[in-house]
N, C-alpha and C. Protein backbone atom coordinates (compact mmCIF):
# COMPACT_ATOMS: atom_id res chain seq x y z
N MET A 1 -22.14 0.44 4.02
CA MET A 1 -22.35 0.39 2.52
C MET A 1 -20.98 -0.23 2.05
N ARG A 2 -21.73 -0.74 0.75
CA ARG A 2 -20.19 -1.39 0.19
C ARG A 2 -20.09 -0.86 -1.20
N LEU A 3 -19.22 -0.63 -1.71
CA LEU A 3 -18.80 -0.29 -2.93
C LEU A 3 -18.96 -1.32 -3.98
N ALA A 4 -19.85 -0.82 -4.69
CA ALA A 4 -20.35 -1.71 -5.48
C ALA A 4 -19.00 -2.28 -6.73
N VAL A 5 -18.20 -0.95 -7.01
CA VAL A 5 -17.34 -1.37 -7.92
C VAL A 5 -16.30 -2.56 -7.22
N ALA A 6 -16.00 -2.29 -6.13
CA ALA A 6 -14.93 -3.32 -5.35
C ALA A 6 -15.68 -4.63 -5.35
N ARG A 7 -16.99 -4.82 -5.07
CA ARG A 7 -17.92 -6.15 -4.82
C ARG A 7 -17.60 -6.60 -6.53
N ASP A 8 -17.66 -5.63 -7.53
CA ASP A 8 -17.57 -6.20 -8.93
C ASP A 8 -16.09 -6.59 -9.30
N ALA A 9 -15.21 -5.89 -8.42
CA ALA A 9 -13.76 -6.45 -8.77
C ALA A 9 -13.36 -7.75 -7.78
N GLY A 10 -14.11 -8.11 -7.28
CA GLY A 10 -13.80 -9.42 -6.41
C GLY A 10 -13.96 -9.34 -5.00
N LEU A 11 -13.85 -8.09 -4.41
CA LEU A 11 -14.25 -7.77 -2.84
C LEU A 11 -15.53 -9.03 -2.42
N ASP A 12 -15.49 -9.70 -1.43
CA ASP A 12 -16.22 -10.83 -1.01
C ASP A 12 -16.47 -10.81 0.54
N GLU A 13 -17.52 -10.85 1.12
CA GLU A 13 -17.53 -10.76 2.57
C GLU A 13 -16.35 -11.38 3.26
N THR A 14 -15.51 -12.41 2.95
CA THR A 14 -14.56 -13.24 3.61
C THR A 14 -13.45 -12.19 3.67
N THR A 15 -13.25 -11.46 2.61
CA THR A 15 -11.99 -10.62 2.63
C THR A 15 -12.81 -9.52 3.83
N VAL A 16 -13.89 -8.94 3.78
CA VAL A 16 -14.12 -8.24 4.35
C VAL A 16 -13.98 -8.40 5.97
N ASP A 17 -14.37 -9.53 6.01
CA ASP A 17 -14.32 -10.12 7.66
C ASP A 17 -12.97 -10.27 8.22
N ALA A 18 -11.91 -10.59 7.15
CA ALA A 18 -10.48 -10.70 7.52
C ALA A 18 -10.27 -9.36 7.69
N VAL A 19 -10.54 -8.48 7.13
CA VAL A 19 -9.97 -6.72 7.42
C VAL A 19 -10.35 -6.75 8.79
N PHE A 20 -11.63 -6.79 9.18
CA PHE A 20 -12.38 -6.26 10.59
C PHE A 20 -11.82 -6.93 11.49
N THR A 21 -11.38 -8.34 11.02
CA THR A 21 -10.92 -9.18 12.20
C THR A 21 -9.16 -9.28 12.45
N SER A 22 -8.40 -8.31 11.61
CA SER A 22 -7.23 -8.07 11.52
C SER A 22 -6.66 -9.90 11.40
N THR A 23 -7.39 -10.78 10.32
CA THR A 23 -6.58 -11.60 9.97
C THR A 23 -6.05 -11.57 8.83
N THR A 24 -5.63 -10.79 8.29
CA THR A 24 -4.58 -10.52 6.98
C THR A 24 -3.34 -11.20 6.69
N ASP A 25 -3.03 -11.90 7.24
CA ASP A 25 -1.58 -12.50 7.06
C ASP A 25 -1.73 -13.19 5.60
N ALA A 26 -2.84 -13.50 5.06
CA ALA A 26 -2.51 -14.28 3.77
C ALA A 26 -2.64 -13.34 2.43
N PHE A 27 -2.93 -12.02 2.83
CA PHE A 27 -3.46 -11.35 2.01
C PHE A 27 -1.78 -10.76 1.61
N PRO A 28 -1.46 -10.36 0.23
CA PRO A 28 -0.14 -9.56 -0.32
C PRO A 28 0.21 -8.79 0.70
N GLY A 29 1.54 -8.37 0.35
CA GLY A 29 2.16 -7.88 1.11
C GLY A 29 1.84 -6.28 0.74
N ALA A 30 1.66 -6.02 -0.55
CA ALA A 30 1.15 -4.72 -0.74
C ALA A 30 -0.67 -4.06 -0.30
N HIS A 31 -1.30 -5.07 -0.28
CA HIS A 31 -2.73 -5.19 0.48
C HIS A 31 -2.21 -4.98 1.83
N ARG A 32 -1.67 -5.66 2.63
CA ARG A 32 -1.45 -5.45 3.96
C ARG A 32 -0.67 -4.24 4.43
N ALA A 33 -0.06 -3.46 3.51
CA ALA A 33 0.78 -1.99 3.43
C ALA A 33 -0.36 -1.14 3.22
N ALA A 34 -1.05 -1.23 2.53
CA ALA A 34 -2.03 -0.31 2.21
C ALA A 34 -2.91 -0.28 3.31
N LEU A 35 -3.85 -1.09 3.85
CA LEU A 35 -4.65 -1.54 5.04
C LEU A 35 -3.71 -0.68 6.34
N ALA A 36 -2.17 -0.90 6.50
CA ALA A 36 -1.88 -0.32 7.78
C ALA A 36 -1.75 0.98 7.54
N MET A 37 -1.31 1.66 6.34
CA MET A 37 -1.46 3.31 5.97
C MET A 37 -3.12 3.04 6.39
N ALA A 38 -3.76 2.89 5.87
CA ALA A 38 -5.42 3.12 6.05
C ALA A 38 -5.81 3.43 7.56
N ASP A 39 -5.41 2.08 8.35
CA ASP A 39 -5.74 2.29 9.71
C ASP A 39 -5.00 3.66 10.56
N ALA A 40 -3.42 3.58 9.96
CA ALA A 40 -2.86 4.77 10.66
C ALA A 40 -3.46 6.26 10.60
N MET A 41 -3.56 6.43 9.08
CA MET A 41 -4.29 7.61 8.73
C MET A 41 -6.00 7.93 9.30
N MET A 42 -6.58 7.24 9.52
CA MET A 42 -7.60 7.00 10.07
C MET A 42 -8.05 7.05 11.57
N THR A 43 -6.63 6.42 12.27
CA THR A 43 -6.88 6.75 13.60
C THR A 43 -5.68 7.60 14.52
N GLN A 44 -4.63 7.87 13.84
CA GLN A 44 -3.51 8.55 14.48
C GLN A 44 -2.21 8.42 13.27
N PRO A 45 -2.34 9.82 12.50
CA PRO A 45 -1.66 9.88 11.50
C PRO A 45 0.04 10.08 11.81
N SER A 46 0.17 10.38 13.10
CA SER A 46 1.44 10.40 13.62
C SER A 46 2.15 9.05 13.45
N SER A 47 1.13 7.95 13.62
CA SER A 47 1.99 6.79 13.63
C SER A 47 2.45 6.13 12.59
N LEU A 48 2.35 7.17 11.45
CA LEU A 48 2.68 6.35 9.93
C LEU A 48 4.54 6.28 10.10
N SER A 49 5.09 5.34 10.90
CA SER A 49 6.68 5.27 11.13
C SER A 49 7.35 5.45 9.94
N ASP A 50 8.75 5.63 9.87
CA ASP A 50 9.86 5.39 8.78
C ASP A 50 9.61 3.96 8.39
N GLU A 51 9.63 2.77 9.11
CA GLU A 51 9.52 1.33 8.33
C GLU A 51 8.09 1.44 7.84
N MET A 52 7.09 1.88 8.38
CA MET A 52 5.83 1.67 7.41
C MET A 52 5.73 2.46 6.17
N VAL A 53 6.54 3.77 6.10
CA VAL A 53 6.52 4.26 4.76
C VAL A 53 7.62 3.57 3.91
N SER A 54 8.58 3.35 4.50
CA SER A 54 9.67 2.28 3.65
C SER A 54 9.02 1.27 2.91
N GLU A 55 7.95 0.42 3.66
CA GLU A 55 7.29 -0.59 3.38
C GLU A 55 6.15 -0.09 2.22
N LEU A 56 5.47 1.34 2.42
CA LEU A 56 4.62 1.49 1.30
C LEU A 56 5.35 1.68 0.04
N HIS A 57 6.65 2.58 0.29
CA HIS A 57 7.41 2.76 -1.47
C HIS A 57 7.81 1.29 -1.61
N ARG A 58 7.97 0.29 -1.21
CA ARG A 58 8.52 -1.23 -2.11
C ARG A 58 7.28 -1.66 -2.84
N HIS A 59 6.14 -0.88 -2.53
CA HIS A 59 5.02 -1.64 -2.84
C HIS A 59 4.17 -0.82 -3.94
N PHE A 60 4.62 0.50 -3.79
CA PHE A 60 4.06 1.65 -4.53
C PHE A 60 4.58 2.68 -5.03
N SER A 61 4.17 3.25 -6.00
CA SER A 61 4.92 4.28 -6.51
C SER A 61 4.66 5.54 -5.89
N ALA A 62 5.38 6.81 -6.06
CA ALA A 62 4.83 8.14 -5.66
C ALA A 62 3.51 8.28 -5.96
N ALA A 63 3.28 8.40 -7.20
CA ALA A 63 1.78 8.70 -7.60
C ALA A 63 0.77 7.74 -7.30
N GLN A 64 1.00 6.38 -7.05
CA GLN A 64 -0.15 5.15 -6.21
C GLN A 64 0.01 5.73 -4.74
N LEU A 65 0.80 6.24 -3.83
CA LEU A 65 0.78 6.59 -2.58
C LEU A 65 -0.09 7.63 -2.38
N VAL A 66 0.32 8.84 -3.69
CA VAL A 66 -0.70 10.22 -3.57
C VAL A 66 -2.17 9.57 -3.67
N GLU A 67 -2.27 8.88 -4.45
CA GLU A 67 -3.95 8.44 -4.84
C GLU A 67 -4.57 7.45 -3.20
N LEU A 68 -3.66 6.96 -2.94
CA LEU A 68 -4.09 5.72 -1.85
C LEU A 68 -4.52 7.07 -0.74
N THR A 69 -3.62 8.11 -0.87
CA THR A 69 -3.55 8.99 0.65
C THR A 69 -5.07 9.91 0.33
N LEU A 70 -5.35 10.01 -1.12
CA LEU A 70 -6.58 11.02 -1.47
C LEU A 70 -7.71 10.22 -1.09
N ASP A 71 -7.65 8.61 -1.62
CA ASP A 71 -8.76 8.05 -1.36
C ASP A 71 -9.40 7.75 0.42
N ILE A 72 -8.08 7.68 1.00
CA ILE A 72 -8.46 7.12 2.53
C ILE A 72 -9.03 8.70 2.82
N MET A 73 -8.25 9.89 2.76
CA MET A 73 -9.01 10.86 3.24
C MET A 73 -10.49 11.32 2.87
N LYS A 74 -10.80 11.01 1.49
CA LYS A 74 -11.89 11.13 0.99
C LYS A 74 -13.25 10.30 1.68
N TRP A 75 -12.54 8.74 2.03
CA TRP A 75 -13.63 8.06 2.44
C TRP A 75 -13.64 8.45 4.20
N ASN A 76 -12.61 8.77 5.14
CA ASN A 76 -12.54 9.01 5.85
C ASN A 76 -13.39 10.55 6.65
N ALA A 77 -13.70 11.26 5.63
CA ALA A 77 -14.43 12.34 5.87
C ALA A 77 -15.96 11.84 6.79
N GLN A 78 -16.61 10.73 6.36
CA GLN A 78 -17.66 10.28 6.79
C GLN A 78 -17.70 10.10 8.31
N LYS A 79 -16.68 10.08 8.86
CA LYS A 79 -16.33 9.49 9.95
C LYS A 79 -16.99 10.64 11.01
N VAL A 80 -16.92 12.00 10.57
CA VAL A 80 -17.43 12.86 11.70
C VAL A 80 -18.97 12.78 11.66
N ALA A 81 -19.66 12.72 10.39
CA ALA A 81 -21.24 12.18 10.41
C ALA A 81 -21.69 11.33 11.22
N VAL A 82 -20.73 9.91 11.15
CA VAL A 82 -20.74 8.99 11.97
C VAL A 82 -20.78 9.14 13.58
N ALA A 83 -19.59 10.02 13.70
CA ALA A 83 -19.50 10.31 15.09
C ALA A 83 -20.73 11.12 15.84
N LEU A 84 -20.93 12.23 15.05
CA LEU A 84 -22.02 12.74 15.43
C LEU A 84 -23.58 12.39 15.50
N GLY A 85 -23.64 11.31 14.71
CA GLY A 85 -25.05 10.34 14.69
C GLY A 85 -25.83 11.26 13.80
N THR A 86 -25.29 11.99 12.83
CA THR A 86 -26.02 12.72 11.84
C THR A 86 -25.77 11.79 10.40
N ASP A 87 -25.26 10.70 10.18
CA ASP A 87 -25.64 9.98 9.17
C ASP A 87 -27.07 9.10 9.06
N VAL A 88 -27.27 9.03 8.17
CA VAL A 88 -28.56 8.14 8.05
C VAL A 88 -28.60 6.86 7.04
N TRP A 89 -29.16 5.97 7.74
CA TRP A 89 -29.28 4.52 6.94
C TRP A 89 -30.07 4.83 5.56
N LEU A 90 -29.83 4.46 4.59
CA LEU A 90 -30.46 4.48 3.58
C LEU A 90 -31.49 3.08 3.60
N ARG A 91 -31.30 2.23 4.10
CA ARG A 91 -32.29 0.84 4.28
C ARG A 91 -31.69 0.45 5.85
N THR A 92 -32.92 0.97 6.54
CA THR A 92 -32.19 0.20 7.76
C THR A 92 -31.84 -0.85 8.35
N GLY A 93 -30.88 -1.19 8.76
CA GLY A 93 -30.28 -2.30 9.13
C GLY A 93 -29.68 -3.14 8.10
N GLU A 94 -29.37 -2.49 6.81
CA GLU A 94 -29.10 -3.69 5.42
C GLU A 94 -27.73 -2.53 5.25
N LEU A 95 -27.07 -3.35 4.33
CA LEU A 95 -25.92 -2.79 3.53
C LEU A 95 -26.35 -2.10 2.22
N THR A 96 -26.03 -1.16 1.92
CA THR A 96 -26.49 -0.32 0.47
C THR A 96 -25.20 -0.63 -0.21
N ASP A 97 -25.34 -1.29 -1.66
CA ASP A 97 -24.34 -0.76 -2.83
C ASP A 97 -23.83 0.56 -2.97
N LEU A 98 -23.04 0.90 -2.86
CA LEU A 98 -22.61 2.47 -3.36
C LEU A 98 -21.70 2.26 -4.95
N ALA A 99 -22.84 2.95 -5.79
CA ALA A 99 -21.92 3.23 -7.01
C ALA A 99 -21.99 4.32 -7.72
N PHE A 100 -21.19 4.44 -8.88
CA PHE A 100 -21.04 5.90 -9.09
C PHE A 100 -21.37 5.74 -10.86
N ASP A 101 -22.11 6.62 -11.63
CA ASP A 101 -21.97 6.89 -12.95
C ASP A 101 -20.64 7.43 -13.69
N ASP A 102 -20.33 7.36 -14.66
CA ASP A 102 -19.54 8.12 -15.58
C ASP A 102 -18.73 9.22 -14.89
N ASN A 103 -19.65 9.98 -14.59
CA ASN A 103 -19.16 11.62 -14.28
C ASN A 103 -19.14 11.24 -12.78
N GLY A 104 -18.55 10.20 -12.07
CA GLY A 104 -18.62 10.05 -10.66
C GLY A 104 -19.52 10.61 -9.53
N ASP A 105 -20.73 10.78 -10.15
CA ASP A 105 -21.89 11.14 -9.10
C ASP A 105 -22.92 9.84 -8.74
N TRP A 106 -22.96 9.65 -7.30
CA TRP A 106 -23.49 8.67 -6.84
C TRP A 106 -24.93 8.13 -7.35
N VAL A 107 -25.23 7.01 -7.60
CA VAL A 107 -26.18 6.45 -8.12
C VAL A 107 -26.97 5.36 -7.03
N ARG A 108 -28.17 5.82 -6.91
CA ARG A 108 -28.91 4.91 -5.83
C ARG A 108 -29.33 3.50 -6.14
């Protein structure tokens, strides 16, 4: 799935490919730091080193770090369903835009 609001804000497949292939050197420092945080939190939270935390604090306020943490945790919850094979395709073999209404409810 692709978050429709991210696409509307400028996310494109070239950027997605860069993230998936770890070719993010051209990304701004804040983006690289946020991606490193997400990778660490999703794979091995104990790998958040003091150096990484310092880098995050260079780019983000405490409130922004809390928001990033909650967003990562929210999107990470789906990994259990994927790992168990209980997630379902909305359109088999196709990406589906993920959009929300003003109340934060998912809209098909």
